[in-house]
């Protein structure tokens, strides 16, 4: 078969060359007006905007689909049909103030709306098309991914360091997620430093969000914590420089956001009782209502209220480890319930013996309370 194709190609090439060399040479004059402008249509949302009068705005408070379209000569009957047809595609009740929208109107004297385009976020849009027949459909803007590299040394906080380097503070959250099992981000200190390769997302020249962290090194207390992304069969994991998974049996903190205010110590001046006594837990301050997470898989063995503990939950993870979470404003987990790592088991509060909203996190190993920040917990199953 390949031989036949090759022979055919050679024969056609010979005939083509014979035609070129035996044909009379002909000049074709091309006349082009130097002042002629080439028309390039403006395409947005997959529509040529040049055919319409274009109005762009943002949704005002107490503004909804009907009172927008009525201004552009769309009758109530058509609006009602739009709402009904959009039911399975987009709930018009979710149109929110502050979001962008575009109206495309006919260029005639009536100026009737032909399309209403709503943008629920920076990358998606919903088109309510009223041109020939009513149709509603969703679209996605073209998102370009750029690889970025950033280094920094912490002087006050990770957020401040990223902000000073013109990077999105969201990167701090993504870094905390990567290192959730190995670094307590509420105990990072001045002099810690990081080196991260990550993705940024753009629509045109507009930054629209952080993508994946591809690789990182976070130096905490003069110790390097490497993280290399690996994806397989839709599952993402991070590994250190020795190929060991960063995932552990326990998260380093029961909060996604908060501040470490009091550590594990055998002697602390109690702010309420005004005496020196052991503090066998770690306090994380956060606003009332902040979700408290189970740091590991296990079974809730206590969900109750006591005078000093306030509302609390206690989880038995296995024969070795137990954790407890005190001073909740509200308990979600119930006694006997099986919980997974990262499940919300309650909310930060100041019930019991507490001066302000926080969670006191306690950690038992083989029946003795220990400082969880110094524990080398086992890898995740």
Protein backbone atom coordinates (compact mmCIF):
# COMPACT_ATOMS: atom_id res chain seq x y z
CA UNK A 1 0.00 0.00 0.00
CA UNK A 2 2.83 2.40 0.93
CA UNK A 3 4.52 1.61 -2.41
CA UNK A 4 1.35 2.50 -4.38
CA UNK A 5 0.98 5.80 -2.51
CA UNK A 6 4.66 6.64 -3.14
CA UNK A 7 4.39 5.88 -6.89
CA UNK A 8 1.20 7.96 -7.18
CA UNK A 9 2.88 10.87 -5.41
CA UNK A 10 5.92 10.72 -7.75
CA UNK A 11 3.74 10.60 -10.89
CA UNK A 12 1.62 13.54 -9.75
CA UNK A 13 4.76 15.50 -8.92
CA UNK A 14 6.19 14.89 -12.43
CA UNK A 15 2.98 16.05 -14.15
CA UNK A 16 2.83 19.10 -11.92
CA UNK A 17 6.41 20.08 -12.76
CA UNK A 18 5.80 19.51 -16.51
CA UNK A 19 2.74 21.77 -16.34
CA UNK A 20 4.64 24.51 -14.54
CA UNK A 21 7.63 24.48 -16.90
CA UNK A 22 5.62 24.15 -20.16
CA UNK A 23 2.91 26.69 -19.34
CA UNK A 24 3.28 30.25 -20.58
CA UNK A 25 4.43 32.60 -17.88
CA UNK A 26 1.59 34.84 -16.88
CA UNK A 27 1.75 37.82 -14.56
CA UNK A 28 -1.26 38.65 -12.48
CA UNK A 29 -1.45 42.23 -11.36
CA UNK A 30 -2.72 42.66 -7.81
CA UNK A 31 -3.95 46.11 -7.04
CA UNK A 32 -4.39 46.98 -3.39
CA UNK A 33 -5.45 50.27 -1.98
CA UNK A 34 -2.82 51.22 0.59
CA UNK A 35 -5.50 53.06 2.56
CA UNK A 36 -7.88 50.11 2.60
CA UNK A 37 -8.56 48.82 6.14
CA UNK A 38 -9.06 45.13 6.73
CA UNK A 39 -12.16 44.59 8.86
CA UNK A 40 -11.57 42.29 11.83
CA UNK A 41 -14.80 41.51 13.70
CA UNK A 42 -14.90 41.75 17.48
CA UNK A 43 -15.75 38.30 18.80
CA UNK A 44 -16.78 37.83 22.42
CA UNK A 45 -18.88 35.05 23.98
CA UNK A 46 -18.72 33.42 20.53
CA UNK A 47 -20.77 36.30 19.03
CA UNK A 48 -19.71 39.01 16.56
CA UNK A 49 -20.42 42.11 18.63
CA UNK A 50 -20.10 44.54 15.70
CA UNK A 51 -23.65 43.66 14.60
CA UNK A 52 -25.13 45.03 17.84
CA UNK A 53 -25.28 47.97 20.17
CA UNK A 54 -23.30 46.70 23.18
CA UNK A 55 -24.04 47.72 26.78
CA UNK A 56 -21.94 46.42 29.66
CA UNK A 57 -22.74 46.88 33.34
CA UNK A 58 -22.86 45.12 36.72
CA UNK A 59 -25.93 43.86 38.55
CA UNK A 60 -27.12 46.47 41.04
CA UNK A 61 -28.58 45.60 44.48
CA UNK A 62 -32.22 44.45 44.20
CA UNK A 63 -31.88 44.18 40.42
CA UNK A 64 -33.13 41.06 38.66
CA UNK A 65 -33.63 39.74 35.14
CA UNK A 66 -37.05 41.27 34.53
CA UNK A 67 -36.27 44.87 35.45
CA UNK A 68 -33.09 44.72 33.36
CA UNK A 69 -34.74 43.39 30.20
CA UNK A 70 -37.84 45.60 30.45
CA UNK A 71 -35.57 48.61 29.91
CA UNK A 72 -34.50 47.08 26.61
CA UNK A 73 -37.99 46.50 25.22
CA UNK A 74 -38.42 42.83 26.15
CA UNK A 75 -42.07 42.18 27.14
CA UNK A 76 -43.06 40.27 30.29
CA UNK A 77 -44.30 37.33 28.21
CA UNK A 78 -40.83 36.80 26.71
CA UNK A 79 -39.16 37.26 30.09
CA UNK A 80 -41.47 34.66 31.61
CA UNK A 81 -40.58 32.24 28.79
CA UNK A 82 -36.87 32.92 29.36
CA UNK A 83 -37.19 32.09 33.05
CA UNK A 84 -39.09 28.86 32.34
CA UNK A 85 -36.68 27.72 29.62
CA UNK A 86 -33.62 28.46 31.74
CA UNK A 87 -34.84 26.37 34.69
CA UNK A 88 -32.68 23.31 33.91
CA UNK A 89 -29.69 25.36 32.71
CA UNK A 90 -29.34 28.31 35.07
CA UNK A 91 -31.49 29.48 37.98
CA UNK A 92 -32.12 33.19 37.35
CA UNK A 93 -32.65 33.64 41.11
CA UNK A 94 -28.89 33.21 41.43
CA UNK A 95 -28.22 36.42 39.51
CA UNK A 96 -26.23 38.36 42.13
CA UNK A 97 -25.36 42.00 42.66
CA UNK A 98 -21.85 42.99 41.64
CA UNK A 99 -21.67 40.44 38.81
CA UNK A 100 -21.01 41.57 35.23
CA UNK A 101 -23.56 41.43 32.43
CA UNK A 102 -23.74 42.44 28.77
CA UNK A 103 -26.78 43.45 26.70
CA UNK A 104 -26.66 43.15 22.90
CA UNK A 105 -29.32 45.30 21.22
CA UNK A 106 -30.42 45.71 17.62
CA UNK A 107 -29.01 48.76 15.83
CA UNK A 108 -32.41 49.91 14.58
CA UNK A 109 -34.52 52.67 16.11
CA UNK A 110 -36.22 50.25 18.53
CA UNK A 111 -32.97 49.00 20.10
CA UNK A 112 -34.54 45.79 21.36
CA UNK A 113 -32.34 43.41 23.37
CA UNK A 114 -31.18 40.42 21.34
CA UNK A 115 -28.98 38.75 23.96
CA UNK A 116 -28.52 39.04 27.71
CA UNK A 117 -25.17 37.62 28.87
CA UNK A 118 -24.56 37.06 32.58
CA UNK A 119 -21.15 36.27 34.08
CA UNK A 120 -21.41 34.35 37.39
CA UNK A 121 -17.61 34.36 37.66
CA UNK A 122 -14.51 35.40 35.74
CA UNK A 123 -14.44 32.38 33.43
CA UNK A 124 -18.07 31.32 32.82
CA UNK A 125 -21.07 33.02 31.24
CA UNK A 126 -24.73 32.29 30.51
CA UNK A 127 -26.31 33.54 27.26
CA UNK A 128 -30.04 34.26 27.06
CA UNK A 129 -30.47 34.44 23.29
CA UNK A 130 -33.68 36.10 22.03
CA UNK A 131 -32.86 36.55 18.36
CA UNK A 132 -34.82 34.01 16.30
CA UNK A 133 -36.16 31.82 19.05
CA UNK A 134 -35.46 31.85 22.76
CA UNK A 135 -32.50 29.71 23.80
CA UNK A 136 -30.29 29.62 26.88
CA UNK A 137 -26.84 28.09 27.04
CA UNK A 138 -23.64 28.28 29.05
CA UNK A 139 -20.18 29.14 27.79
CA UNK A 140 -16.61 29.12 29.01
CA UNK A 141 -14.02 31.78 28.31
CA UNK A 142 -10.62 30.67 27.07
CA UNK A 143 -8.37 30.29 30.09
CA UNK A 144 -4.60 30.41 29.60
CA UNK A 145 -2.34 28.73 32.17
CA UNK A 146 1.04 30.29 32.94
CA UNK A 147 3.78 28.67 35.01
CA UNK A 148 5.11 30.96 37.75
CA UNK A 149 8.05 30.72 40.16
CA UNK A 150 8.18 32.62 43.42
CA UNK A 151 10.60 32.75 46.35
CA UNK A 152 10.23 34.62 49.60
CA UNK A 153 11.36 34.95 53.21
CA UNK A 154 8.72 35.53 55.85
CA UNK A 155 9.08 38.72 57.89
CA UNK A 156 5.64 38.96 59.47
CA UNK A 157 3.22 36.54 57.78
CA UNK A 158 2.98 34.38 54.69
CA UNK A 159 0.06 36.47 53.39
CA UNK A 160 2.07 39.70 53.76
CA UNK A 161 5.13 38.20 52.08
CA UNK A 162 3.06 37.04 49.09
CA UNK A 163 1.28 40.38 48.89
CA UNK A 164 4.60 42.25 48.88
CA UNK A 165 5.67 40.11 45.93
CA UNK A 166 2.43 40.90 44.04
CA UNK A 167 1.28 37.29 44.31
CA UNK A 168 -2.27 36.22 45.14
CA UNK A 169 -2.85 35.52 48.87
CA UNK A 170 -4.81 32.45 47.71
CA UNK A 171 -1.41 30.85 47.11
CA UNK A 172 -0.98 30.77 50.91
CA UNK A 173 -4.14 28.66 51.21
CA UNK A 174 -2.94 26.29 48.49
CA UNK A 175 0.43 25.94 50.19
CA UNK A 176 -1.29 25.22 53.51
CA UNK A 177 -3.32 22.48 51.79
CA UNK A 178 -0.17 20.88 50.34
CA UNK A 179 1.58 20.89 53.72
CA UNK A 180 -1.52 20.19 55.85
CA UNK A 181 0.06 16.99 57.20
CA UNK A 182 3.63 18.21 57.72
CA UNK A 183 3.65 21.91 58.69
CA UNK A 184 1.45 23.78 61.15
CA UNK A 185 1.06 27.05 59.26
CA UNK A 186 -0.06 28.80 62.44
CA UNK A 187 3.42 28.32 63.90
CA UNK A 188 5.48 29.62 60.97
CA UNK A 189 7.99 32.24 62.08
CA UNK A 190 10.10 35.13 60.85
CA UNK A 191 12.99 33.76 58.82
CA UNK A 192 11.09 30.78 57.39
CA UNK A 193 11.27 30.81 53.60
CA UNK A 194 9.59 29.19 50.61
CA UNK A 195 10.27 28.40 46.96
CA UNK A 196 7.23 27.46 44.85
CA UNK A 197 6.49 26.61 41.22
CA UNK A 198 2.77 26.96 40.49
CA UNK A 199 0.13 27.84 37.89
CA UNK A 200 -1.72 31.10 37.38
CA UNK A 201 -4.90 31.31 35.28
CA UNK A 202 -5.64 34.19 32.89
CA UNK A 203 -8.50 35.25 30.64
CA UNK A 204 -6.78 37.55 28.18
CA UNK A 205 -4.57 39.74 30.35
CA UNK A 206 -6.81 39.39 33.39
CA UNK A 207 -5.67 37.19 36.28
CA UNK A 208 -8.55 34.91 37.32
CA UNK A 209 -7.04 32.54 39.85
CA UNK A 210 -4.38 30.18 41.13
CA UNK A 211 -4.01 26.79 39.50
CA UNK A 212 -2.00 23.82 40.72
CA UNK A 213 1.11 23.88 42.87
CA UNK A 214 3.61 21.81 40.89
CA UNK A 215 6.58 21.76 43.26
CA UNK A 216 7.59 23.51 46.46
CA UNK A 217 10.09 23.73 49.26
CA UNK A 218 9.13 25.30 52.58
CA UNK A 219 11.96 25.85 55.06
CA UNK A 220 10.45 25.83 58.56
CA UNK A 221 12.65 26.04 61.67
CA UNK A 222 15.67 25.46 59.37
CA UNK A 223 14.23 22.21 58.04
CA UNK A 224 13.39 21.73 54.35
CA UNK A 225 9.97 20.34 53.47
CA UNK A 226 9.87 19.40 49.78
CA UNK A 227 6.66 18.72 47.88
CA UNK A 228 6.40 17.35 44.32
CA UNK A 229 3.02 16.94 42.68
CA UNK A 230 2.08 13.59 41.17
CA UNK A 231 -1.24 12.71 39.50
CA UNK A 232 -2.41 9.24 38.54
CA UNK A 233 -5.90 8.00 37.63
CA UNK A 234 -7.40 11.33 38.67
CA UNK A 235 -5.83 11.19 42.15
CA UNK A 236 -3.34 13.86 43.23
CA UNK A 237 -0.67 13.35 45.84
CA UNK A 238 2.50 15.14 46.93
CA UNK A 239 5.80 13.43 47.67
CA UNK A 240 9.00 14.58 49.33
CA UNK A 241 12.50 14.35 47.86
CA UNK A 242 12.76 10.72 49.02
CA UNK A 243 9.53 9.69 47.31
CA UNK A 244 7.51 9.50 50.54
CA UNK A 245 3.91 10.74 50.50
CA UNK A 246 3.26 13.94 52.47
CA UNK A 247 -0.12 12.61 53.57
CA UNK A 248 -0.13 11.49 57.19
CA UNK A 249 -2.68 9.94 59.52
CA UNK A 250 -3.23 13.36 61.17
CA UNK A 251 -3.53 16.94 59.98
CA UNK A 252 -1.17 19.35 61.74
CA UNK A 253 -4.05 21.62 62.77
CA UNK A 254 -7.82 21.27 63.34
CA UNK A 255 -8.43 24.64 61.62
CA UNK A 256 -7.88 25.78 58.06
CA UNK A 257 -7.44 29.36 59.27
CA UNK A 258 -6.51 30.61 62.71
CA UNK A 259 -3.65 31.66 64.96
CA UNK A 260 -1.69 29.57 67.43
CA UNK A 261 -2.03 31.49 70.70
CA UNK A 262 -0.91 29.03 73.36
CA UNK A 263 1.19 25.91 73.05
CA UNK A 264 1.60 22.68 74.98
CA UNK A 265 3.45 23.35 78.25
CA UNK A 266 3.76 21.96 81.76
CA UNK A 267 3.53 25.47 83.25
CA UNK A 268 1.33 28.28 82.00
CA UNK A 269 -0.32 31.22 83.77
CA UNK A 270 -4.02 30.56 83.25
CA UNK A 271 -5.75 33.75 81.99
CA UNK A 272 -9.02 32.97 83.82
CA UNK A 273 -7.95 31.13 86.97
CA UNK A 274 -4.87 33.39 87.46
CA UNK A 275 -2.61 30.51 88.54
CA UNK A 276 0.27 28.57 87.00
CA UNK A 277 -0.79 25.14 85.79
CA UNK A 278 -0.03 22.70 82.95
CA UNK A 279 -1.62 23.39 79.56
CA UNK A 280 -1.81 19.99 77.90
CA UNK A 281 -3.13 21.20 74.58
CA UNK A 282 -2.61 23.72 71.79
CA UNK A 283 -4.88 26.76 71.46
CA UNK A 284 -5.84 28.12 68.04
CA UNK A 285 -7.73 31.43 68.01
CA UNK A 286 -10.26 32.03 65.24
CA UNK A 287 -13.60 33.84 64.82
CA UNK A 288 -16.68 32.23 66.34
CA UNK A 289 -18.22 29.86 63.81
CA UNK A 290 -14.95 28.85 62.12
CA UNK A 291 -15.22 25.14 61.13
CA UNK A 292 -13.26 22.68 63.30
CA UNK A 293 -11.93 19.65 61.41
CA UNK A 294 -11.30 16.10 62.55
CA UNK A 295 -7.54 15.74 62.19
CA UNK A 296 -7.80 12.03 61.45
CA UNK A 297 -10.21 9.16 60.77
CA UNK A 298 -11.90 7.70 63.83
CA UNK A 299 -14.98 7.20 66.00
CA UNK A 300 -16.47 9.91 68.22
CA UNK A 301 -16.36 8.56 71.78
CA UNK A 302 -17.64 11.76 73.45
CA UNK A 303 -19.72 14.70 72.25
CA UNK A 304 -20.83 16.64 75.30
CA UNK A 305 -20.67 19.79 77.41
CA UNK A 306 -18.69 20.21 80.64
CA UNK A 307 -18.09 23.24 82.85
CA UNK A 308 -14.43 23.76 81.93
CA UNK A 309 -14.33 22.16 78.47
CA UNK A 310 -17.53 23.77 77.25
CA UNK A 311 -18.86 22.01 74.15
CA UNK A 312 -16.30 19.42 73.06
CA UNK A 313 -15.79 16.37 70.86
CA UNK A 314 -13.38 13.51 71.54
CA UNK A 315 -12.31 11.07 68.80
CA UNK A 316 -10.64 7.67 69.17
CA UNK A 317 -8.56 7.05 66.04
CA UNK A 318 -7.10 3.65 66.92
CA UNK A 319 -5.58 1.86 69.91
CA UNK A 320 -2.73 4.42 69.99
CA UNK A 321 -4.17 7.87 69.20
CA UNK A 322 -7.06 9.98 70.55
CA UNK A 323 -7.83 13.67 69.96
CA UNK A 324 -10.12 16.21 71.64
CA UNK A 325 -11.50 19.60 70.57
CA UNK A 326 -12.73 22.03 73.26
CA UNK A 327 -14.78 25.26 73.66
CA UNK A 328 -16.99 24.79 70.58
CA UNK A 329 -19.89 27.14 69.94
CA UNK A 330 -21.74 24.19 68.39
CA UNK A 331 -21.08 20.45 68.11
CA UNK A 332 -21.90 18.63 64.87
CA UNK A 333 -20.38 15.19 65.45
CA UNK A 334 -22.37 12.82 67.66
CA UNK A 335 -21.19 10.05 69.97
CA UNK A 336 -20.67 6.82 68.02
CA UNK A 337 -20.32 8.60 64.70
CA UNK A 338 -17.51 7.58 62.32
CA UNK A 339 -15.63 10.61 60.98
CA UNK A 340 -13.06 11.07 58.24
CA UNK A 341 -10.00 13.29 58.24
CA UNK A 342 -11.11 16.82 57.34
CA UNK A 343 -14.78 16.35 58.32
CA UNK A 344 -16.31 19.36 60.09
CA UNK A 345 -17.14 18.20 63.63
CA UNK A 346 -18.10 21.56 65.16
CA UNK A 347 -17.48 25.29 65.21
CA UNK A 348 -15.10 27.55 67.11
CA UNK A 349 -16.57 29.22 70.19
CA UNK A 350 -15.74 30.31 73.73
CA UNK A 351 -17.88 27.96 75.83
CA UNK A 352 -16.49 26.66 79.12
CA UNK A 353 -13.38 28.22 80.68
CA UNK A 354 -12.30 30.53 77.85
CA UNK A 355 -11.52 34.23 77.45
CA UNK A 356 -12.30 34.35 73.73
CA UNK A 357 -13.19 32.24 70.70
CA UNK A 358 -10.66 29.46 70.09
CA UNK A 359 -10.28 25.70 69.96
CA UNK A 360 -8.08 23.87 72.44
CA UNK A 361 -6.74 20.83 70.57
CA UNK A 362 -5.57 17.89 72.68
CA UNK A 363 -3.65 14.85 71.51
CA UNK A 364 -3.17 11.49 73.26
CA UNK A 365 -0.60 8.83 72.37
CA UNK A 366 -0.78 5.53 74.26
CA UNK A 367 -2.97 7.16 76.90
CA UNK A 368 -0.67 10.14 77.61
CA UNK A 369 -1.28 13.71 76.42
CA UNK A 370 1.54 14.92 74.18
CA UNK A 371 2.51 17.91 72.06
CA UNK A 372 1.11 17.03 68.64
CA UNK A 373 3.48 19.47 66.92
CA UNK A 374 6.44 17.36 67.98
CA UNK A 375 4.90 14.02 67.07
CA UNK A 376 6.05 12.08 64.01
CA UNK A 377 2.64 10.70 63.13
CA UNK A 378 2.30 7.61 60.90
CA UNK A 379 1.65 7.88 57.15
CA UNK A 380 -1.90 7.77 55.85
CA UNK A 381 -3.21 4.34 54.87
